[in-house]
C-alpha atoms as a PDB file:
ATOM      1  CA  MET A   1     -64.673 -16.922 -29.309  1.00  0.00           C
ATOM      2  CA  GLY A   2     -67.613 -17.703 -27.023  1.00  0.00           C
ATOM      3  CA  ASP A   3     -68.477 -16.061 -23.893  1.00  0.00           C
ATOM      4  CA  LYS A   4     -67.447 -18.950 -21.737  1.00  0.00           C
ATOM      5  CA  ASN A   5     -64.083 -19.236 -23.669  1.00  0.00           C
ATOM      6  CA  LEU A   6     -63.482 -15.647 -23.357  1.00  0.00           C
ATOM      7  CA  GLU A   7     -64.271 -15.590 -19.457  1.00  0.00           C
ATOM      8  CA  LYS A   8     -61.947 -18.706 -19.034  1.00  0.00           C
ATOM      9  CA  LYS A   9     -59.115 -16.862 -21.027  1.00  0.00           C
ATOM     10  CA  MET A  10     -59.479 -13.590 -18.899  1.00  0.00           C
ATOM     11  CA  PHE A  11     -60.244 -15.217 -15.654  1.00  0.00           C
ATOM     12  CA  PRO A  12     -58.266 -18.642 -15.686  1.00  0.00           C
ATOM     13  CA  PHE A  13     -58.048 -19.081 -11.899  1.00  0.00           C
ATOM     14  CA  ASP A  14     -61.430 -19.839 -10.207  1.00  0.00           C
ATOM     15  CA  LYS A  15     -60.059 -20.050  -6.520  1.00  0.00           C
ATOM     16  CA  PRO A  16     -57.120 -19.010  -4.376  1.00  0.00           C
ATOM     17  CA  LEU A  17     -54.178 -21.229  -3.786  1.00  0.00           C
ATOM     18  CA  THR A  18     -54.340 -23.377  -0.710  1.00  0.00           C
ATOM     19  CA  SER A  19     -51.138 -23.870   1.308  1.00  0.00           C
ATOM     20  CA  ARG A  20     -50.460 -27.335  -0.263  1.00  0.00           C
ATOM     21  CA  ASP A  21     -50.862 -25.709  -3.766  1.00  0.00           C
ATOM     22  CA  ARG A  22     -48.771 -22.598  -2.817  1.00  0.00           C
ATOM     23  CA  LYS A  23     -45.920 -25.023  -2.129  1.00  0.00           C
ATOM     24  CA  LYS A  24     -46.331 -26.711  -5.592  1.00  0.00           C
ATOM     25  CA  PHE A  25     -46.583 -23.327  -7.205  1.00  0.00           C
ATOM     26  CA  VAL A  26     -43.137 -22.023  -5.674  1.00  0.00           C
ATOM     27  CA  GLU A  27     -41.787 -25.350  -6.825  1.00  0.00           C
ATOM     28  CA  LEU A  28     -42.796 -25.118 -10.219  1.00  0.00           C
ATOM     29  CA  LEU A  29     -41.945 -21.400 -10.490  1.00  0.00           C
ATOM     30  CA  SER A  30     -38.546 -22.236  -9.014  1.00  0.00           C
ATOM     31  CA  LEU A  31     -37.823 -24.619 -11.819  1.00  0.00           C
ATOM     32  CA  GLY A  32     -39.307 -22.292 -14.387  1.00  0.00           C
ATOM     33  CA  ILE A  33     -36.760 -19.527 -13.254  1.00  0.00           C
ATOM     34  CA  LEU A  34     -33.747 -21.922 -13.329  1.00  0.00           C
ATOM     35  CA  GLN A  35     -34.637 -23.096 -16.916  1.00  0.00           C
ATOM     36  CA  TYR A  36     -35.038 -19.559 -18.051  1.00  0.00           C
ATOM     37  CA  CYS A  37     -31.930 -18.340 -16.407  1.00  0.00           C
ATOM     38  CA  TYR A  38     -29.687 -21.402 -17.268  1.00  0.00           C
ATOM     39  CA  GLY A  39     -31.438 -23.792 -19.571  1.00  0.00           C
ATOM     40  CA  ASP A  40     -29.059 -26.499 -20.008  1.00  0.00           C
ATOM     41  CA  ILE A  41     -29.173 -28.874 -17.088  1.00  0.00           C
ATOM     42  CA  TYR A  42     -32.277 -27.666 -15.736  1.00  0.00           C
ATOM     43  CA  ASN A  43     -34.195 -28.443 -19.006  1.00  0.00           C
ATOM     44  CA  GLU A  44     -33.785 -32.058 -18.003  1.00  0.00           C
ATOM     45  CA  CYS A  45     -35.200 -31.634 -14.444  1.00  0.00           C
ATOM     46  CA  GLU A  46     -38.713 -31.941 -13.069  1.00  0.00           C
ATOM     47  CA  VAL A  47     -40.560 -31.282  -9.919  1.00  0.00           C
ATOM     48  CA  LYS A  48     -40.686 -34.285  -7.631  1.00  0.00           C
ATOM     49  CA  ASP A  49     -40.229 -34.585  -3.864  1.00  0.00           C
ATOM     50  CA  ALA A  50     -37.190 -34.624  -1.494  1.00  0.00           C
ATOM     51  CA  PRO A  51     -35.400 -32.865  -3.212  1.00  0.00           C
ATOM     52  CA  ASP A  52     -38.256 -30.847  -5.001  1.00  0.00           C
ATOM     53  CA  ILE A  53     -36.242 -30.524  -8.404  1.00  0.00           C
ATOM     54  CA  GLN A  54     -34.470 -33.510  -9.616  1.00  0.00           C
ATOM     55  CA  HIS A  55     -32.406 -33.937 -12.625  1.00  0.00           C
ATOM     56  CA  ARG A  56     -33.381 -37.418 -14.532  1.00  0.00           C
ATOM     57  CA  ASN A  57     -29.732 -38.540 -14.369  1.00  0.00           C
ATOM     58  CA  LYS A  58     -29.183 -37.252 -10.787  1.00  0.00           C
ATOM     59  CA  LEU A  59     -26.584 -34.638 -11.946  1.00  0.00           C
ATOM     60  CA  ILE A  60     -28.291 -32.226  -9.469  1.00  0.00           C
ATOM     61  CA  GLY A  61     -31.204 -31.968  -7.089  1.00  0.00           C
ATOM     62  CA  VAL A  62     -32.473 -28.756  -5.608  1.00  0.00           C
ATOM     63  CA  GLU A  63     -34.449 -28.279  -2.415  1.00  0.00           C
ATOM     64  CA  VAL A  64     -37.100 -25.331  -2.716  1.00  0.00           C
ATOM     65  CA  VAL A  65     -38.246 -23.088   0.314  1.00  0.00           C
ATOM     66  CA  GLU A  66     -40.119 -19.989   0.589  1.00  0.00           C
ATOM     67  CA  ALA A  67     -38.782 -17.125   2.734  1.00  0.00           C
ATOM     68  CA  ILE A  68     -41.867 -15.867   4.583  1.00  0.00           C
ATOM     69  CA  SER A  69     -42.579 -14.984   8.218  1.00  0.00           C
ATOM     70  CA  ASN A  70     -44.864 -17.189  10.194  1.00  0.00           C
ATOM     71  CA  GLU A  71     -47.253 -14.022  10.645  1.00  0.00           C
ATOM     72  CA  ASP A  72     -47.363 -13.569   6.671  1.00  0.00           C
ATOM     73  CA  ALA A  73     -47.807 -17.321   6.215  1.00  0.00           C
ATOM     74  CA  THR A  74     -50.738 -17.313   8.747  1.00  0.00           C
ATOM     75  CA  ILE A  75     -52.306 -14.237   7.195  1.00  0.00           C
ATOM     76  CA  SER A  76     -52.026 -15.749   3.667  1.00  0.00           C
ATOM     77  CA  ASN A  77     -53.571 -19.078   4.624  1.00  0.00           C
ATOM     78  CA  GLU A  78     -56.341 -17.475   6.589  1.00  0.00           C
ATOM     79  CA  PHE A  79     -57.160 -15.265   3.721  1.00  0.00           C
ATOM     80  CA  VAL A  80     -57.727 -18.254   1.348  1.00  0.00           C
ATOM     81  CA  LYS A  81     -60.072 -19.554   3.865  1.00  0.00           C
ATOM     82  CA  TYR A  82     -61.786 -16.105   4.368  1.00  0.00           C
ATOM     83  CA  ARG A  83     -62.291 -16.080   0.394  1.00  0.00           C
ATOM     84  CA  LEU A  84     -63.786 -19.625   0.338  1.00  0.00           C
ATOM     85  CA  ALA A  85     -66.039 -19.315   3.515  1.00  0.00           C
ATOM     86  CA  ASP A  86     -69.769 -19.149   2.789  1.00  0.00           C
ATOM     87  CA  GLN A  87     -70.894 -18.139   6.304  1.00  0.00           C
ATOM     88  CA  LEU A  88     -70.462 -14.679   7.676  1.00  0.00           C
ATOM     89  CA  GLU A  89     -69.541 -16.035  11.014  1.00  0.00           C
ATOM     90  CA  GLU A  90     -66.659 -18.136   9.487  1.00  0.00           C
ATOM     91  CA  LYS A  91     -65.505 -15.060   7.576  1.00  0.00           C
ATOM     92  CA  GLU A  92     -65.368 -12.990  10.752  1.00  0.00           C
ATOM     93  CA  ARG A  93     -63.209 -15.466  12.428  1.00  0.00           C
ATOM     94  CA  ARG A  94     -60.859 -15.804   9.572  1.00  0.00           C
ATOM     95  CA  ARG A  95     -60.634 -11.894   9.629  1.00  0.00           C
ATOM     96  CA  GLN A  96     -59.850 -11.868  13.357  1.00  0.00           C
ATOM     97  CA  MET A  97     -57.098 -14.309  12.866  1.00  0.00           C
ATOM     98  CA  ILE A  98     -55.660 -12.146  10.165  1.00  0.00           C
ATOM     99  CA  GLU A  99     -55.844  -9.161  12.346  1.00  0.00           C
ATOM    100  CA  ASN A 100     -54.346 -10.847  15.316  1.00  0.00           C
ATOM    101  CA  ASN A 101     -51.263 -11.575  13.186  1.00  0.00           C
ATOM    102  CA  GLY A 102     -50.971  -7.883  11.972  1.00  0.00           C
ATOM    103  CA  GLY A 103     -52.899  -8.012   8.653  1.00  0.00           C
ATOM    104  CA  GLU A 104     -55.995  -6.339   7.490  1.00  0.00           C
ATOM    105  CA  VAL A 105     -58.862  -7.360   5.209  1.00  0.00           C
ATOM    106  CA  LYS A 106     -60.921  -4.957   3.302  1.00  0.00           C
ATOM    107  CA  GLU A 107     -63.466  -6.709   1.101  1.00  0.00           C
ATOM    108  CA  PHE A 108     -61.299  -8.826  -1.107  1.00  0.00           C
ATOM    109  CA  MET A 109     -57.924  -6.754  -0.376  1.00  0.00           C
ATOM    110  CA  LEU A 110     -55.456  -7.842   1.979  1.00  0.00           C
ATOM    111  CA  SER A 111     -52.596  -5.897   3.616  1.00  0.00           C
ATOM    112  CA  TYR A 112     -49.693  -7.413   5.665  1.00  0.00           C
ATOM    113  CA  PRO A 113     -47.653  -5.884   8.576  1.00  0.00           C
ATOM    114  CA  THR A 114     -44.641  -3.786   7.633  1.00  0.00           C
ATOM    115  CA  ILE A 115     -41.325  -5.529   7.491  1.00  0.00           C
ATOM    116  CA  ASN A 116     -37.850  -3.996   8.026  1.00  0.00           C
ATOM    117  CA  SER A 117     -34.348  -5.342   7.266  1.00  0.00           C
ATOM    118  CA  ASP A 118     -33.986  -7.267  10.387  1.00  0.00           C
ATOM    119  CA  ILE A 119     -37.111  -9.244   9.952  1.00  0.00           C
ATOM    120  CA  GLU A 120     -36.053  -9.840   6.215  1.00  0.00           C
ATOM    121  CA  ARG A 121     -32.729 -11.108   7.493  1.00  0.00           C
ATOM    122  CA  LYS A 122     -34.486 -13.640   9.983  1.00  0.00           C
ATOM    123  CA  MET A 123     -36.763 -14.740   7.135  1.00  0.00           C
ATOM    124  CA  PHE A 124     -33.820 -15.564   4.770  1.00  0.00           C
ATOM    125  CA  GLN A 125     -32.046 -17.241   7.439  1.00  0.00           C
ATOM    126  CA  ASN A 126     -34.609 -19.336   8.983  1.00  0.00           C
ATOM    127  CA  ALA A 127     -35.672 -20.508   5.435  1.00  0.00           C
ATOM    128  CA  LEU A 128     -32.168 -21.783   4.847  1.00  0.00           C
ATOM    129  CA  ARG A 129     -31.794 -23.192   8.250  1.00  0.00           C
ATOM    130  CA  LYS A 130     -35.141 -25.030   7.859  1.00  0.00           C
ATOM    131  CA  LYS A 131     -33.423 -27.181   4.775  1.00  0.00           C
ATOM    132  CA  MET A 132     -29.914 -27.585   6.149  1.00  0.00           C
ATOM    133  CA  ASP A 133     -30.484 -30.975   7.851  1.00  0.00           C
ATOM    134  CA  LYS A 134     -31.774 -32.413   4.711  1.00  0.00           C
ATOM    135  CA  PHE A 135     -28.565 -32.133   2.806  1.00  0.00           C
ATOM    136  CA  SER A 136     -27.124 -35.461   3.926  1.00  0.00           C
ATOM    137  CA  SER A 137     -30.124 -37.600   2.943  1.00  0.00           C
ATOM    138  CA  TYR A 138     -30.105 -36.031  -0.424  1.00  0.00           C
ATOM    139  CA  LYS A 139     -26.515 -36.619  -0.806  1.00  0.00           C
ATOM    140  CA  SER A 140     -26.941 -40.316  -0.097  1.00  0.00           C
ATOM    141  CA  GLN A 141     -29.381 -40.542  -2.981  1.00  0.00           C
ATOM    142  CA  GLY A 142     -26.524 -40.193  -5.350  1.00  0.00           C
ATOM    143  CA  PHE A 143     -26.947 -36.671  -6.809  1.00  0.00           C
ATOM    144  CA  GLU A 144     -23.812 -35.054  -8.006  1.00  0.00           C
ATOM    145  CA  LYS A 145     -24.693 -31.772  -6.907  1.00  0.00           C
ATOM    146  CA  ILE A 146     -27.251 -30.570  -4.235  1.00  0.00           C
ATOM    147  CA  GLY A 147     -28.612 -27.125  -4.202  1.00  0.00           C
ATOM    148  CA  VAL A 148     -31.289 -25.111  -2.280  1.00  0.00           C
ATOM    149  CA  PHE A 149     -33.506 -22.506  -3.761  1.00  0.00           C
ATOM    150  CA  ILE A 150     -34.982 -19.847  -1.513  1.00  0.00           C
ATOM    151  CA  PHE A 151     -37.847 -17.927  -3.015  1.00  0.00           C
ATOM    152  CA  TYR A 152     -38.853 -14.479  -1.704  1.00  0.00           C
ATOM    153  CA  ASN A 153     -42.063 -13.081  -3.272  1.00  0.00           C
ATOM    154  CA  GLN A 154     -41.141  -9.365  -2.711  1.00  0.00           C
ATOM    155  CA  PRO A 155     -38.481  -7.042  -3.775  1.00  0.00           C
ATOM    156  CA  LEU A 156     -35.553  -6.837  -1.468  1.00  0.00           C
ATOM    157  CA  ILE A 157     -35.060  -3.932   0.935  1.00  0.00           C
ATOM    158  CA  PRO A 158     -31.975  -2.145  -0.499  1.00  0.00           C
ATOM    159  CA  ILE A 159     -29.020  -4.150   0.788  1.00  0.00           C
ATOM    160  CA  LYS A 160     -25.393  -4.719  -0.442  1.00  0.00           C
ATOM    161  CA  LYS A 161     -24.296  -7.859  -2.082  1.00  0.00           C
ATOM    162  CA  ASP A 162     -21.778  -8.725   0.459  1.00  0.00           C
ATOM    163  CA  GLU A 163     -24.295  -8.195   3.373  1.00  0.00           C
ATOM    164  CA  LEU A 164     -26.826 -10.537   1.776  1.00  0.00           C
ATOM    165  CA  LYS A 165     -24.061 -13.071   1.256  1.00  0.00           C
ATOM    166  CA  GLU A 166     -23.000 -12.901   5.056  1.00  0.00           C
ATOM    167  CA  TYR A 167     -26.732 -13.577   6.060  1.00  0.00           C
ATOM    168  CA  PHE A 168     -26.391 -16.914   4.387  1.00  0.00           C
ATOM    169  CA  ASP A 169     -22.780 -17.596   5.570  1.00  0.00           C
ATOM    170  CA  GLN A 170     -23.792 -16.917   9.256  1.00  0.00           C
ATOM    171  CA  VAL A 171     -26.203 -19.966   8.808  1.00  0.00           C
ATOM    172  CA  LEU A 172     -23.994 -22.129   6.569  1.00  0.00           C
ATOM    173  CA  ASN A 173     -21.058 -21.762   9.097  1.00  0.00           C
ATOM    174  CA  GLU A 174     -23.302 -23.482  11.713  1.00  0.00           C
ATOM    175  CA  TYR A 175     -23.243 -26.802   9.763  1.00  0.00           C
ATOM    176  CA  ASP A 176     -20.350 -29.079   8.624  1.00  0.00           C
ATOM    177  CA  ASP A 177     -22.181 -30.300   5.648  1.00  0.00           C
ATOM    178  CA  LYS A 178     -23.239 -27.610   3.104  1.00  0.00           C
ATOM    179  CA  TYR A 179     -25.107 -27.406   0.016  1.00  0.00           C
ATOM    180  CA  ASP A 180     -23.000 -27.032  -3.180  1.00  0.00           C
ATOM    181  CA  ILE A 181     -25.137 -24.114  -4.529  1.00  0.00           C
ATOM    182  CA  LEU A 182     -27.627 -21.709  -3.067  1.00  0.00           C
ATOM    183  CA  TYR A 183     -30.029 -19.816  -5.284  1.00  0.00           C
ATOM    184  CA  PHE A 184     -32.095 -16.748  -3.938  1.00  0.00           C
ATOM    185  CA  CYS A 185     -34.809 -15.406  -6.068  1.00  0.00           C
ATOM    186  CA  CYS A 186     -36.834 -12.220  -5.513  1.00  0.00           C
ATOM    187  CA  SER A 187     -39.155 -10.224  -7.899  1.00  0.00           C
ATOM    188  CA  GLY A 188     -36.021  -8.402  -9.105  1.00  0.00           C
ATOM    189  CA  GLY A 189     -33.878 -11.274 -10.237  1.00  0.00           C
ATOM    190  CA  LEU A 190     -31.955 -14.490  -9.210  1.00  0.00           C
ATOM    191  CA  ILE A 191     -28.730 -14.609  -7.028  1.00  0.00           C
ATOM    192  CA  GLU A 192     -26.502 -17.704  -7.547  1.00  0.00           C
ATOM    193  CA  TYR A 193     -24.205 -18.365  -4.639  1.00  0.00           C
ATOM    194  CA  ASP A 194     -21.744 -21.113  -5.604  1.00  0.00           C
ATOM    195  CA  ILE A 195     -20.963 -22.190  -2.097  1.00  0.00           C
ATOM    196  CA  SER A 196     -18.048 -24.682  -3.015  1.00  0.00           C
ATOM    197  CA  LEU A 197     -16.277 -22.013  -5.276  1.00  0.00           C
ATOM    198  CA  ASN A 198     -17.347 -19.060  -3.027  1.00  0.00           C
ATOM    199  CA  TYR A 199     -18.546 -16.825  -5.715  1.00  0.00           C
ATOM    200  CA  PHE A 200     -21.925 -14.719  -5.751  1.00  0.00           C
ATOM    201  CA  LYS A 201     -23.462 -13.803  -9.033  1.00  0.00           C
ATOM    202  CA  VAL A 202     -26.784 -11.721  -9.828  1.00  0.00           C
ATOM    203  CA  LYS A 203     -28.896 -12.428 -12.764  1.00  0.00           C
ATOM    204  CA  ALA A 204     -31.552  -9.789 -13.596  1.00  0.00           C
ATOM    205  CA  ILE A 205     -35.136 -10.990 -14.458  1.00  0.00           C
ATOM    206  CA  GLU A 206     -37.334  -8.408 -16.368  1.00  0.00           C
ATOM    207  CA  ARG A 207     -40.668  -7.976 -14.541  1.00  0.00           C
ATOM    208  CA  ASN A 208     -42.604  -9.096 -17.597  1.00  0.00           C
ATOM    209  CA  VAL A 209     -40.665 -12.282 -17.626  1.00  0.00           C
ATOM    210  CA  PHE A 210     -41.142 -12.915 -13.918  1.00  0.00           C
ATOM    211  CA  TYR A 211     -44.957 -12.423 -14.411  1.00  0.00           C
ATOM    212  CA  LYS A 212     -45.018 -14.691 -17.222  1.00  0.00           C
ATOM    213  CA  LEU A 213     -43.059 -17.440 -15.294  1.00  0.00           C
ATOM    214  CA  GLN A 214     -45.403 -17.067 -12.397  1.00  0.00           C
ATOM    215  CA  TYR A 215     -48.444 -17.353 -14.709  1.00  0.00           C
ATOM    216  CA  GLU A 216     -47.186 -20.376 -16.421  1.00  0.00           C
ATOM    217  CA  ALA A 217     -46.527 -22.180 -13.000  1.00  0.00           C
ATOM    218  CA  ARG A 218     -49.860 -21.166 -11.750  1.00  0.00           C
ATOM    219  CA  LEU A 219     -51.586 -22.961 -14.754  1.00  0.00           C
ATOM    220  CA  LYS A 220     -49.652 -26.185 -13.970  1.00  0.00           C
ATOM    221  CA  VAL A 221     -50.745 -26.271 -10.401  1.00  0.00           C
ATOM    222  CA  HIS A 222     -54.108 -27.535 -11.328  1.00  0.00           C
ATOM    223  CA  LYS A 223     -53.296 -29.089 -14.703  1.00  0.00           C
END
């Protein structure tokens, strides 16, 4: 293998994800996770728009959203711009924005503000609430089932299953029209909440599998 081919294999990504690319990455990863966990119906789905994951025969449509605080989202976006900036003045401006939101930059290392259970609850509920008004328009498109997929790119702070379900129920009870199914994914696995049947099921995803699915989704972003 030549030097350039070896370098490409070892370092396949030459730039960080922009916010737009990040959204596409999360959608591709969400579909990959559903296909890994269920195969079946999700093998006939693809990433589109409104909803983000669609079955070719409209058996199911799934809207994807990432659970992230405004501060963390700003820090991530500014760090991408920091890494891409050529001028020291621009880098310093981006660094200041990161620090103003509670983050810290040291060379190419980035730290985020500490979160607690209450901040986590608000992130999950805000992510779901953000997508609740879209349900009716998706149902009118003729999908048999409509789901929402909440992606959280961190391990969960220890919580009981019933407490997590209550987080989501508090939001769902604010609306008359509800999704048929809710998926919640963190780095430890996938939670399936069938809202219509009121059952809550956990599927473990091994870390090496999760990393592999992330890698494959990342490759597809600039394919």
